Amino acid sequence: MRLHRGSSKDVRGSSPAAESLPLSASPSLVPVDVEIVRPGRGRTVRVEVPVGTLVRAVVRSAGEAPEGCAVLIEGMSVPLDTPTERPTRLTVVPTFSGG
C-alpha cells in the first residue's frame, strides 16, 4: 500500500510524546508590591501577576502610566520590559505631573 507524503498512517515514524500538563493548568502567580512614591500621598498596591509579566504591565495594573515613571527594584532602575519572575517590590517614581 502506498501512502502519500505526510499521511498520519505512515508506520515508519514514531508518534510525538504527549504533554504531561493537564488542560486546566493555570500559570503560577507571583505577588508584587508596587510602591508609588509621590510627595504627601504615596501609596502601596499589591498585585498578583503571572510569572513572566513585564514590569510595564505590573505598573499599569497598579494604576500608573508606565511610560511616565522610573521603576526601581532594590534601588536600581530597571527597564519596563523586565519580566517579573519572583515576588518582589517595585518602587515607582512618576517623572511628570499634569497641570
N, C-alpha and C. Protein backbone atom coordinates (compact mmCIF):
# COMPACT_ATOMS: atom_id res chain seq x y z
N MET A 1 0.84 -1.17 0.00
CA MET A 1 0.00 0.00 0.00
C MET A 1 0.89 1.24 0.00
N ARG A 2 0.66 2.16 -0.92
CA ARG A 2 1.42 3.41 -1.00
C ARG A 2 0.65 4.52 -0.33
N LEU A 3 1.33 5.24 0.55
CA LEU A 3 0.70 6.35 1.25
C LEU A 3 1.32 7.66 0.75
N HIS A 4 0.53 8.69 0.68
CA HIS A 4 1.08 9.96 0.23
C HIS A 4 1.91 10.61 1.34
N ARG A 5 2.78 11.52 0.95
CA ARG A 5 3.66 12.18 1.90
C ARG A 5 2.85 12.92 2.96
N GLY A 6 3.22 12.76 4.22
CA GLY A 6 2.55 13.46 5.31
C GLY A 6 1.36 12.71 5.88
N SER A 7 1.14 11.50 5.45
CA SER A 7 0.00 10.75 5.95
C SER A 7 0.19 10.39 7.41
N SER A 8 -0.89 10.45 8.16
CA SER A 8 -0.80 10.08 9.57
C SER A 8 -0.80 8.57 9.75
N LYS A 9 -0.94 7.83 8.67
CA LYS A 9 -0.97 6.37 8.78
C LYS A 9 0.40 5.76 8.48
N ASP A 10 1.39 6.60 8.27
CA ASP A 10 2.73 6.12 7.98
C ASP A 10 3.29 5.46 9.23
N VAL A 11 3.70 4.23 9.17
CA VAL A 11 4.16 3.48 10.32
C VAL A 11 5.65 3.66 10.58
N ARG A 12 6.37 4.31 9.66
CA ARG A 12 7.81 4.45 9.83
C ARG A 12 8.19 5.39 10.96
N GLY A 13 7.48 6.48 11.15
CA GLY A 13 7.83 7.46 12.17
C GLY A 13 7.20 7.12 13.51
N SER A 14 7.86 7.58 14.58
CA SER A 14 7.27 7.36 15.90
C SER A 14 6.36 8.53 16.24
N SER A 15 5.39 8.29 17.07
CA SER A 15 4.45 9.35 17.43
C SER A 15 5.12 10.30 18.43
N PRO A 16 4.76 11.58 18.40
CA PRO A 16 5.36 12.54 19.32
C PRO A 16 4.92 12.26 20.76
N ALA A 17 5.78 12.63 21.69
CA ALA A 17 5.46 12.43 23.10
C ALA A 17 4.30 13.32 23.51
N ALA A 18 3.45 12.79 24.35
CA ALA A 18 2.31 13.56 24.85
C ALA A 18 2.77 14.52 25.93
N GLU A 19 2.13 15.67 26.02
CA GLU A 19 2.47 16.62 27.08
C GLU A 19 1.91 16.13 28.40
N SER A 20 2.60 16.46 29.48
CA SER A 20 2.18 15.97 30.78
C SER A 20 1.34 16.97 31.57
N LEU A 21 1.17 18.20 31.04
CA LEU A 21 0.38 19.19 31.77
C LEU A 21 -1.11 18.99 31.50
N PRO A 22 -1.93 19.08 32.54
CA PRO A 22 -3.37 18.99 32.31
C PRO A 22 -3.86 20.26 31.63
N LEU A 23 -4.97 20.17 30.94
CA LEU A 23 -5.51 21.32 30.23
C LEU A 23 -5.95 22.43 31.18
N SER A 24 -6.27 22.08 32.41
CA SER A 24 -6.74 23.08 33.35
C SER A 24 -5.61 23.76 34.13
N ALA A 25 -4.35 23.49 33.78
CA ALA A 25 -3.24 24.09 34.50
C ALA A 25 -3.25 25.60 34.29
N SER A 26 -3.14 26.34 35.38
CA SER A 26 -3.11 27.79 35.27
C SER A 26 -1.69 28.28 35.54
N PRO A 27 -1.34 29.45 35.02
CA PRO A 27 0.02 29.95 35.22
C PRO A 27 0.26 30.27 36.69
N SER A 28 1.51 30.15 37.13
CA SER A 28 1.86 30.49 38.50
C SER A 28 1.78 31.99 38.68
N LEU A 29 1.26 32.41 39.81
CA LEU A 29 1.14 33.83 40.12
C LEU A 29 2.19 34.22 41.14
N VAL A 30 2.73 35.44 41.00
CA VAL A 30 3.68 35.97 41.97
C VAL A 30 3.13 37.29 42.51
N PRO A 31 3.27 37.50 43.82
CA PRO A 31 2.83 38.78 44.38
C PRO A 31 3.89 39.86 44.14
N VAL A 32 3.44 41.04 43.77
CA VAL A 32 4.34 42.18 43.56
C VAL A 32 3.76 43.36 44.32
N ASP A 33 4.56 43.92 45.22
CA ASP A 33 4.17 45.15 45.92
C ASP A 33 4.66 46.32 45.08
N VAL A 34 3.76 47.20 44.72
CA VAL A 34 4.09 48.37 43.90
C VAL A 34 3.94 49.60 44.78
N GLU A 35 5.07 50.22 45.11
CA GLU A 35 5.06 51.43 45.94
C GLU A 35 5.14 52.63 45.00
N ILE A 36 4.10 53.44 45.00
CA ILE A 36 4.08 54.65 44.18
C ILE A 36 4.51 55.80 45.08
N VAL A 37 5.62 56.44 44.73
CA VAL A 37 6.20 57.49 45.55
C VAL A 37 5.75 58.84 45.00
N ARG A 38 4.99 59.56 45.82
CA ARG A 38 4.53 60.92 45.48
C ARG A 38 4.62 61.75 46.75
N PRO A 39 5.00 63.00 46.63
CA PRO A 39 5.06 63.86 47.83
C PRO A 39 3.69 63.99 48.49
N GLY A 40 3.62 63.59 49.74
CA GLY A 40 2.40 63.76 50.51
C GLY A 40 1.32 62.72 50.29
N ARG A 41 1.39 61.92 49.25
CA ARG A 41 0.30 60.96 49.04
C ARG A 41 0.78 59.67 48.36
N GLY A 42 1.87 59.15 48.82
CA GLY A 42 2.35 57.88 48.30
C GLY A 42 1.42 56.75 48.70
N ARG A 43 1.51 55.66 47.99
CA ARG A 43 0.66 54.51 48.32
C ARG A 43 1.35 53.23 47.86
N THR A 44 0.92 52.13 48.42
CA THR A 44 1.44 50.82 48.03
C THR A 44 0.27 49.94 47.62
N VAL A 45 0.42 49.28 46.48
CA VAL A 45 -0.61 48.39 45.94
C VAL A 45 0.02 47.02 45.77
N ARG A 46 -0.69 45.97 46.19
CA ARG A 46 -0.21 44.61 45.95
C ARG A 46 -1.02 44.02 44.79
N VAL A 47 -0.31 43.51 43.80
CA VAL A 47 -0.94 42.84 42.67
C VAL A 47 -0.33 41.45 42.54
N GLU A 48 -1.12 40.52 42.03
CA GLU A 48 -0.62 39.19 41.72
C GLU A 48 -0.69 39.01 40.22
N VAL A 49 0.45 38.67 39.64
CA VAL A 49 0.55 38.56 38.19
C VAL A 49 1.17 37.22 37.82
N PRO A 50 0.90 36.74 36.61
CA PRO A 50 1.55 35.50 36.16
C PRO A 50 3.06 35.69 36.04
N VAL A 51 3.80 34.64 36.31
CA VAL A 51 5.26 34.67 36.16
C VAL A 51 5.58 35.11 34.73
N GLY A 52 6.54 36.02 34.60
CA GLY A 52 6.94 36.50 33.29
C GLY A 52 6.25 37.78 32.84
N THR A 53 5.31 38.29 33.64
CA THR A 53 4.63 39.53 33.29
C THR A 53 5.65 40.67 33.30
N LEU A 54 5.60 41.51 32.28
CA LEU A 54 6.55 42.61 32.18
C LEU A 54 6.26 43.68 33.23
N VAL A 55 7.32 44.34 33.70
CA VAL A 55 7.20 45.41 34.69
C VAL A 55 6.21 46.46 34.19
N ARG A 56 6.22 46.75 32.90
CA ARG A 56 5.29 47.72 32.30
C ARG A 56 3.84 47.36 32.64
N ALA A 57 3.48 46.10 32.49
CA ALA A 57 2.11 45.64 32.76
C ALA A 57 1.80 45.69 34.25
N VAL A 58 2.79 45.41 35.09
CA VAL A 58 2.58 45.46 36.54
C VAL A 58 2.28 46.89 36.97
N VAL A 59 3.08 47.83 36.47
CA VAL A 59 2.87 49.24 36.81
C VAL A 59 1.50 49.71 36.33
N ARG A 60 1.12 49.31 35.13
CA ARG A 60 -0.19 49.69 34.59
C ARG A 60 -1.32 49.11 35.46
N SER A 61 -1.15 47.86 35.92
CA SER A 61 -2.20 47.25 36.74
C SER A 61 -2.33 47.92 38.11
N ALA A 62 -1.28 48.64 38.52
CA ALA A 62 -1.33 49.39 39.77
C ALA A 62 -1.92 50.78 39.57
N GLY A 63 -2.32 51.10 38.33
CA GLY A 63 -2.99 52.36 38.06
C GLY A 63 -2.09 53.51 37.64
N GLU A 64 -0.86 53.22 37.24
CA GLU A 64 0.06 54.27 36.81
C GLU A 64 0.40 54.11 35.33
N ALA A 65 0.80 55.21 34.70
CA ALA A 65 1.24 55.17 33.30
C ALA A 65 2.72 54.82 33.29
N PRO A 66 3.09 53.63 32.86
CA PRO A 66 4.49 53.20 32.95
C PRO A 66 5.46 54.07 32.16
N GLU A 67 5.02 54.63 31.04
CA GLU A 67 5.92 55.43 30.21
C GLU A 67 6.31 56.74 30.89
N GLY A 68 5.59 57.15 31.91
CA GLY A 68 5.90 58.39 32.62
C GLY A 68 6.47 58.14 34.00
N CYS A 69 7.12 56.98 34.20
CA CYS A 69 7.63 56.61 35.52
C CYS A 69 9.05 56.04 35.43
N ALA A 70 9.77 56.23 36.52
CA ALA A 70 11.02 55.49 36.71
C ALA A 70 10.67 54.34 37.66
N VAL A 71 11.15 53.14 37.35
CA VAL A 71 10.84 51.97 38.17
C VAL A 71 12.14 51.42 38.77
N LEU A 72 12.12 51.19 40.07
CA LEU A 72 13.29 50.71 40.78
C LEU A 72 12.99 49.38 41.47
N ILE A 73 13.99 48.51 41.49
CA ILE A 73 13.94 47.29 42.30
C ILE A 73 15.20 47.34 43.16
N GLU A 74 15.00 47.36 44.48
CA GLU A 74 16.10 47.45 45.44
C GLU A 74 17.03 48.62 45.12
N GLY A 75 16.44 49.77 44.75
CA GLY A 75 17.21 50.96 44.49
C GLY A 75 17.87 51.05 43.12
N MET A 76 17.71 50.02 42.30
CA MET A 76 18.30 50.01 40.95
C MET A 76 17.21 50.21 39.91
N SER A 77 17.45 51.11 38.97
CA SER A 77 16.50 51.33 37.90
C SER A 77 16.42 50.10 37.00
N VAL A 78 15.20 49.73 36.58
CA VAL A 78 15.02 48.57 35.71
C VAL A 78 14.23 48.98 34.47
N PRO A 79 14.51 48.34 33.33
CA PRO A 79 13.73 48.62 32.11
C PRO A 79 12.29 48.13 32.27
N LEU A 80 11.37 48.78 31.56
CA LEU A 80 9.97 48.40 31.63
C LEU A 80 9.69 47.03 31.03
N ASP A 81 10.59 46.51 30.19
CA ASP A 81 10.37 45.20 29.60
C ASP A 81 11.04 44.07 30.39
N THR A 82 11.36 44.32 31.66
CA THR A 82 11.91 43.30 32.54
C THR A 82 10.79 42.36 32.98
N PRO A 83 10.95 41.03 32.81
CA PRO A 83 9.89 40.12 33.27
C PRO A 83 9.93 39.94 34.79
N THR A 84 8.76 39.76 35.36
CA THR A 84 8.63 39.50 36.80
C THR A 84 8.70 38.00 37.02
N GLU A 85 9.75 37.54 37.70
CA GLU A 85 9.98 36.11 37.88
C GLU A 85 9.71 35.61 39.30
N ARG A 86 9.71 36.53 40.27
CA ARG A 86 9.57 36.12 41.67
C ARG A 86 8.86 37.22 42.45
N PRO A 87 8.41 36.94 43.67
CA PRO A 87 7.81 38.01 44.48
C PRO A 87 8.81 39.15 44.64
N THR A 88 8.36 40.35 44.47
CA THR A 88 9.27 41.50 44.54
C THR A 88 8.52 42.76 44.94
N ARG A 89 9.29 43.82 45.12
CA ARG A 89 8.72 45.14 45.43
C ARG A 89 9.26 46.13 44.41
N LEU A 90 8.36 46.78 43.70
CA LEU A 90 8.73 47.81 42.74
C LEU A 90 8.50 49.17 43.37
N THR A 91 9.46 50.06 43.22
CA THR A 91 9.27 51.46 43.62
C THR A 91 9.06 52.26 42.35
N VAL A 92 7.93 52.90 42.25
CA VAL A 92 7.54 53.64 41.05
C VAL A 92 7.58 55.13 41.37
N VAL A 93 8.39 55.86 40.60
CA VAL A 93 8.52 57.31 40.79
C VAL A 93 8.00 57.99 39.53
N PRO A 94 6.81 58.60 39.61
CA PRO A 94 6.30 59.33 38.43
C PRO A 94 7.28 60.45 38.08
N THR A 95 7.59 60.58 36.78
CA THR A 95 8.58 61.56 36.35
C THR A 95 7.95 62.80 35.73
N PHE A 96 6.65 62.85 35.65
CA PHE A 96 5.97 64.06 35.17
C PHE A 96 4.66 64.20 35.92
N SER A 97 4.10 65.38 35.89
CA SER A 97 2.81 65.60 36.54
C SER A 97 1.93 66.43 35.62
N GLY A 98 0.65 66.26 35.78
CA GLY A 98 -0.31 67.01 34.96
C GLY A 98 -0.39 68.45 35.44
N GLY A 99 -0.96 69.29 34.65
CA GLY A 99 -1.02 70.67 35.08
C GLY A 99 -2.09 71.46 34.47
